[in-house]
């Protein structure tokens, strides 16, 4: 069975904690990052967002070998998670900060 990858960047499955906040908010919330690529991210969060919403994320690596990632993203998909009261969020990375 052949599969043609159409993504510009390879997606990596990850399982790490991250923080997020709405761009105009001072409050950060915890989430669980599930995948990351050069152009996008997906994570599980307690909040559902409208498609097109701008969010700032911070992903700190578990080990100090990698640098932390702070980026601005745009939500592209929101779906209820299999875990009660959580949502699966997919987003495009618009800008990497710093």
N, C-alpha and C. Protein backbone atom coordinates (compact mmCIF):
# COMPACT_ATOMS: atom_id res chain seq x y z
N UNK A 1 0.84 -1.16 0.00
CA UNK A 1 0.00 0.00 0.00
C UNK A 1 0.89 1.24 0.00
N UNK A 2 0.72 2.12 -0.97
CA UNK A 2 1.53 3.32 -1.07
C UNK A 2 0.77 4.52 -0.52
N UNK A 3 1.54 5.45 0.03
CA UNK A 3 0.97 6.66 0.60
C UNK A 3 1.80 7.84 0.14
N UNK A 4 1.16 8.84 -0.44
CA UNK A 4 1.87 10.04 -0.89
C UNK A 4 1.69 11.13 0.16
N UNK A 5 2.78 11.50 0.80
CA UNK A 5 2.76 12.55 1.82
C UNK A 5 2.60 13.89 1.14
N UNK A 6 1.59 14.65 1.52
CA UNK A 6 1.32 15.94 0.91
C UNK A 6 1.75 17.11 1.79
N UNK A 7 2.20 16.84 2.99
CA UNK A 7 2.63 17.90 3.88
C UNK A 7 4.00 18.42 3.46
N UNK A 8 4.22 19.72 3.70
CA UNK A 8 5.52 20.32 3.42
C UNK A 8 6.56 19.94 4.47
N UNK A 9 6.09 19.66 5.70
CA UNK A 9 6.98 19.32 6.80
C UNK A 9 6.51 18.02 7.44
N UNK A 10 7.46 17.21 7.87
CA UNK A 10 7.13 15.97 8.55
C UNK A 10 6.53 16.27 9.92
N UNK A 11 5.48 15.57 10.28
CA UNK A 11 4.85 15.73 11.58
C UNK A 11 5.46 14.75 12.56
N UNK A 12 5.80 15.25 13.75
CA UNK A 12 6.36 14.39 14.80
C UNK A 12 5.33 14.24 15.90
N UNK A 13 5.12 13.00 16.32
CA UNK A 13 4.27 12.78 17.49
C UNK A 13 5.06 13.15 18.72
N UNK A 14 4.45 13.92 19.58
CA UNK A 14 5.10 14.32 20.82
C UNK A 14 4.09 14.14 21.96
N UNK A 15 4.59 14.10 23.14
CA UNK A 15 3.74 14.02 24.32
C UNK A 15 4.41 14.87 25.39
N UNK A 16 4.12 16.16 25.35
CA UNK A 16 4.75 17.06 26.32
C UNK A 16 3.77 18.15 26.74
N UNK A 17 4.04 18.70 27.90
CA UNK A 17 3.22 19.79 28.39
C UNK A 17 3.52 21.07 27.63
N UNK A 18 2.53 21.92 27.54
CA UNK A 18 2.69 23.22 26.92
C UNK A 18 1.77 24.20 27.61
N UNK A 19 1.94 25.47 27.31
CA UNK A 19 1.10 26.55 27.84
C UNK A 19 0.49 27.28 26.65
N UNK A 20 -0.70 27.84 26.85
CA UNK A 20 -1.32 28.64 25.79
C UNK A 20 -2.11 29.78 26.41
N UNK A 21 -2.29 30.83 25.62
CA UNK A 21 -3.14 31.94 26.02
C UNK A 21 -3.66 32.64 24.78
N UNK A 22 -4.81 33.26 24.92
CA UNK A 22 -5.32 34.10 23.84
C UNK A 22 -4.39 35.29 23.72
N UNK A 23 -4.21 35.79 22.53
CA UNK A 23 -3.24 36.85 22.28
C UNK A 23 -3.46 38.07 23.16
N UNK A 24 -4.68 38.45 23.43
CA UNK A 24 -4.96 39.65 24.23
C UNK A 24 -5.17 39.34 25.71
N UNK A 25 -4.78 38.16 26.16
CA UNK A 25 -4.98 37.76 27.55
C UNK A 25 -3.65 37.67 28.29
N UNK A 26 -3.68 37.84 29.60
CA UNK A 26 -2.48 37.68 30.41
C UNK A 26 -2.39 36.30 31.03
N UNK A 27 -3.49 35.54 31.00
CA UNK A 27 -3.56 34.23 31.66
C UNK A 27 -3.14 33.10 30.73
N UNK A 28 -2.19 32.28 31.21
CA UNK A 28 -1.78 31.07 30.50
C UNK A 28 -2.50 29.87 31.09
N UNK A 29 -2.76 28.86 30.24
CA UNK A 29 -3.40 27.62 30.65
C UNK A 29 -2.54 26.45 30.20
N UNK A 30 -2.62 25.35 30.92
CA UNK A 30 -1.86 24.15 30.59
C UNK A 30 -2.59 23.33 29.54
N UNK A 31 -1.81 22.67 28.68
CA UNK A 31 -2.35 21.77 27.66
C UNK A 31 -1.34 20.66 27.42
N UNK A 32 -1.72 19.69 26.60
CA UNK A 32 -0.84 18.57 26.25
C UNK A 32 -0.60 18.59 24.75
N UNK A 33 0.64 18.86 24.34
CA UNK A 33 1.00 18.86 22.92
C UNK A 33 1.04 17.42 22.42
N UNK A 34 0.41 17.15 21.27
CA UNK A 34 0.36 15.79 20.73
C UNK A 34 1.15 15.62 19.44
N UNK A 35 1.30 16.70 18.66
CA UNK A 35 2.15 16.62 17.46
C UNK A 35 2.65 18.00 17.09
N UNK A 36 3.78 18.00 16.38
CA UNK A 36 4.45 19.24 16.02
C UNK A 36 5.14 19.06 14.68
N UNK A 37 5.05 20.08 13.84
CA UNK A 37 5.79 20.07 12.58
C UNK A 37 6.35 21.46 12.35
N UNK A 38 7.00 21.66 11.23
CA UNK A 38 7.56 22.96 10.91
C UNK A 38 6.51 24.01 10.63
N UNK A 39 5.27 23.58 10.38
CA UNK A 39 4.22 24.55 10.06
C UNK A 39 2.97 24.44 10.92
N UNK A 40 2.93 23.46 11.83
CA UNK A 40 1.71 23.31 12.62
C UNK A 40 1.92 22.59 13.93
N UNK A 41 0.86 22.58 14.72
CA UNK A 41 0.89 21.96 16.04
C UNK A 41 -0.51 21.43 16.35
N UNK A 42 -0.58 20.38 17.14
CA UNK A 42 -1.86 19.93 17.66
C UNK A 42 -1.70 19.66 19.15
N UNK A 43 -2.78 19.90 19.88
CA UNK A 43 -2.72 19.75 21.33
C UNK A 43 -4.11 19.50 21.88
N UNK A 44 -4.14 19.03 23.12
CA UNK A 44 -5.39 18.78 23.83
C UNK A 44 -5.51 19.83 24.93
N UNK A 45 -6.67 20.51 24.96
CA UNK A 45 -6.87 21.61 25.91
C UNK A 45 -8.27 21.56 26.50
N UNK A 46 -8.46 22.28 27.58
CA UNK A 46 -9.77 22.34 28.24
C UNK A 46 -10.70 23.35 27.57
N UNK A 47 -10.18 24.21 26.72
CA UNK A 47 -10.99 25.23 26.07
C UNK A 47 -11.18 24.91 24.59
N UNK A 48 -12.37 25.18 24.09
CA UNK A 48 -12.63 25.08 22.65
C UNK A 48 -12.45 26.49 22.08
N UNK A 49 -11.88 26.59 20.90
CA UNK A 49 -11.66 27.88 20.27
C UNK A 49 -12.33 27.91 18.92
N UNK A 50 -12.68 29.10 18.47
CA UNK A 50 -13.21 29.27 17.13
C UNK A 50 -12.08 29.12 16.11
N UNK A 51 -12.39 28.54 14.97
CA UNK A 51 -11.42 28.45 13.88
C UNK A 51 -11.04 29.88 13.50
N UNK A 52 -9.74 30.11 13.32
CA UNK A 52 -9.23 31.43 12.99
C UNK A 52 -8.72 32.21 14.20
N UNK A 53 -8.98 31.71 15.41
CA UNK A 53 -8.57 32.39 16.65
C UNK A 53 -7.05 32.39 16.76
N UNK A 54 -6.47 33.52 17.19
CA UNK A 54 -5.03 33.65 17.38
C UNK A 54 -4.68 33.30 18.83
N UNK A 55 -3.67 32.46 18.99
CA UNK A 55 -3.24 31.98 20.31
C UNK A 55 -1.72 32.01 20.36
N UNK A 56 -1.19 32.32 21.54
CA UNK A 56 0.25 32.21 21.78
C UNK A 56 0.50 30.91 22.53
N UNK A 57 1.51 30.14 22.10
CA UNK A 57 1.85 28.89 22.78
C UNK A 57 3.31 28.94 23.24
N UNK A 58 3.58 28.17 24.29
CA UNK A 58 4.94 27.99 24.79
C UNK A 58 5.12 26.51 25.06
N UNK A 59 6.11 25.92 24.39
CA UNK A 59 6.42 24.51 24.60
C UNK A 59 7.84 24.44 25.14
N UNK A 60 7.97 23.97 26.36
CA UNK A 60 9.28 23.83 27.00
C UNK A 60 9.70 22.37 26.89
N UNK A 61 10.91 22.11 26.42
CA UNK A 61 11.36 20.73 26.28
C UNK A 61 11.57 20.07 27.64
N UNK A 62 11.41 18.76 27.64
CA UNK A 62 11.63 18.01 28.87
C UNK A 62 13.12 18.00 29.23
N UNK A 63 13.97 17.98 28.21
CA UNK A 63 15.42 17.97 28.43
C UNK A 63 16.00 19.26 27.87
N UNK A 64 17.06 19.75 28.46
CA UNK A 64 17.65 21.02 28.05
C UNK A 64 18.43 20.95 26.75
N UNK A 65 18.40 19.82 26.06
CA UNK A 65 19.09 19.67 24.78
C UNK A 65 18.41 20.54 23.72
N UNK A 66 17.10 20.70 23.81
CA UNK A 66 16.34 21.48 22.83
C UNK A 66 15.94 22.83 23.44
N UNK A 67 15.80 23.82 22.58
CA UNK A 67 15.36 25.14 23.04
C UNK A 67 13.84 25.15 23.18
N UNK A 68 13.35 26.03 24.03
CA UNK A 68 11.90 26.20 24.19
C UNK A 68 11.34 26.86 22.92
N UNK A 69 10.07 26.62 22.65
CA UNK A 69 9.40 27.19 21.49
C UNK A 69 8.28 28.10 21.97
N UNK A 70 8.30 29.35 21.54
CA UNK A 70 7.20 30.27 21.76
C UNK A 70 6.74 30.71 20.38
N UNK A 71 5.45 30.57 20.10
CA UNK A 71 4.95 30.86 18.76
C UNK A 71 3.52 31.39 18.83
N UNK A 72 3.14 32.07 17.76
CA UNK A 72 1.76 32.49 17.58
C UNK A 72 1.14 31.56 16.55
N UNK A 73 -0.05 31.04 16.87
CA UNK A 73 -0.70 30.08 16.00
C UNK A 73 -2.11 30.54 15.64
N UNK A 74 -2.66 29.94 14.60
CA UNK A 74 -4.04 30.19 14.19
C UNK A 74 -4.78 28.86 14.18
N UNK A 75 -5.86 28.79 14.92
CA UNK A 75 -6.63 27.55 15.05
C UNK A 75 -7.27 27.19 13.70
N UNK A 76 -7.10 25.92 13.29
CA UNK A 76 -7.68 25.45 12.04
C UNK A 76 -8.75 24.37 12.24
N UNK A 77 -8.70 23.68 13.40
CA UNK A 77 -9.67 22.61 13.66
C UNK A 77 -9.84 22.43 15.15
N UNK A 78 -11.08 22.18 15.58
CA UNK A 78 -11.41 21.90 16.97
C UNK A 78 -12.38 20.73 16.99
N UNK A 79 -12.07 19.72 17.80
CA UNK A 79 -12.95 18.55 17.91
C UNK A 79 -12.97 18.08 19.35
N UNK A 80 -14.11 17.55 19.81
CA UNK A 80 -14.14 16.99 21.17
C UNK A 80 -13.13 15.86 21.27
N UNK A 81 -12.44 15.79 22.40
CA UNK A 81 -11.46 14.73 22.65
C UNK A 81 -12.18 13.50 23.20
N UNK A 82 -11.49 12.37 23.17
CA UNK A 82 -12.04 11.17 23.78
C UNK A 82 -12.07 11.30 25.30
N UNK A 83 -11.23 12.20 25.84
CA UNK A 83 -11.25 12.50 27.28
C UNK A 83 -12.37 13.52 27.53
N UNK A 84 -13.17 13.28 28.53
CA UNK A 84 -14.30 14.15 28.84
C UNK A 84 -13.83 15.58 29.11
N UNK A 85 -14.58 16.54 28.59
CA UNK A 85 -14.36 17.97 28.82
C UNK A 85 -13.05 18.50 28.25
N UNK A 86 -12.49 17.85 27.26
CA UNK A 86 -11.27 18.33 26.60
C UNK A 86 -11.52 18.42 25.10
N UNK A 87 -10.65 19.17 24.42
CA UNK A 87 -10.78 19.38 22.98
C UNK A 87 -9.45 19.15 22.28
N UNK A 88 -9.51 18.58 21.10
CA UNK A 88 -8.32 18.41 20.26
C UNK A 88 -8.25 19.62 19.34
N UNK A 89 -7.16 20.36 19.44
CA UNK A 89 -6.98 21.60 18.69
C UNK A 89 -5.85 21.40 17.68
N UNK A 90 -6.08 21.80 16.44
CA UNK A 90 -5.04 21.80 15.41
C UNK A 90 -4.86 23.24 14.96
N UNK A 91 -3.61 23.61 14.68
CA UNK A 91 -3.34 25.01 14.33
C UNK A 91 -2.13 25.13 13.41
N UNK A 92 -2.11 26.23 12.69
CA UNK A 92 -0.98 26.58 11.83
C UNK A 92 -0.07 27.51 12.63
N UNK A 93 1.22 27.28 12.56
CA UNK A 93 2.17 28.19 13.19
C UNK A 93 2.33 29.40 12.26
N UNK A 94 1.97 30.57 12.76
CA UNK A 94 2.05 31.80 11.97
C UNK A 94 3.40 32.51 12.16
N UNK A 95 3.87 32.58 13.41
CA UNK A 95 5.11 33.26 13.72
C UNK A 95 5.80 32.58 14.89
N UNK A 96 7.10 32.39 14.79
CA UNK A 96 7.88 31.89 15.92
C UNK A 96 8.52 33.09 16.59
N UNK A 97 8.33 33.19 17.88
CA UNK A 97 8.78 34.35 18.65
C UNK A 97 10.21 34.15 19.13
N UNK A 98 11.02 35.18 19.01
CA UNK A 98 12.38 35.19 19.53
C UNK A 98 13.28 34.31 18.80
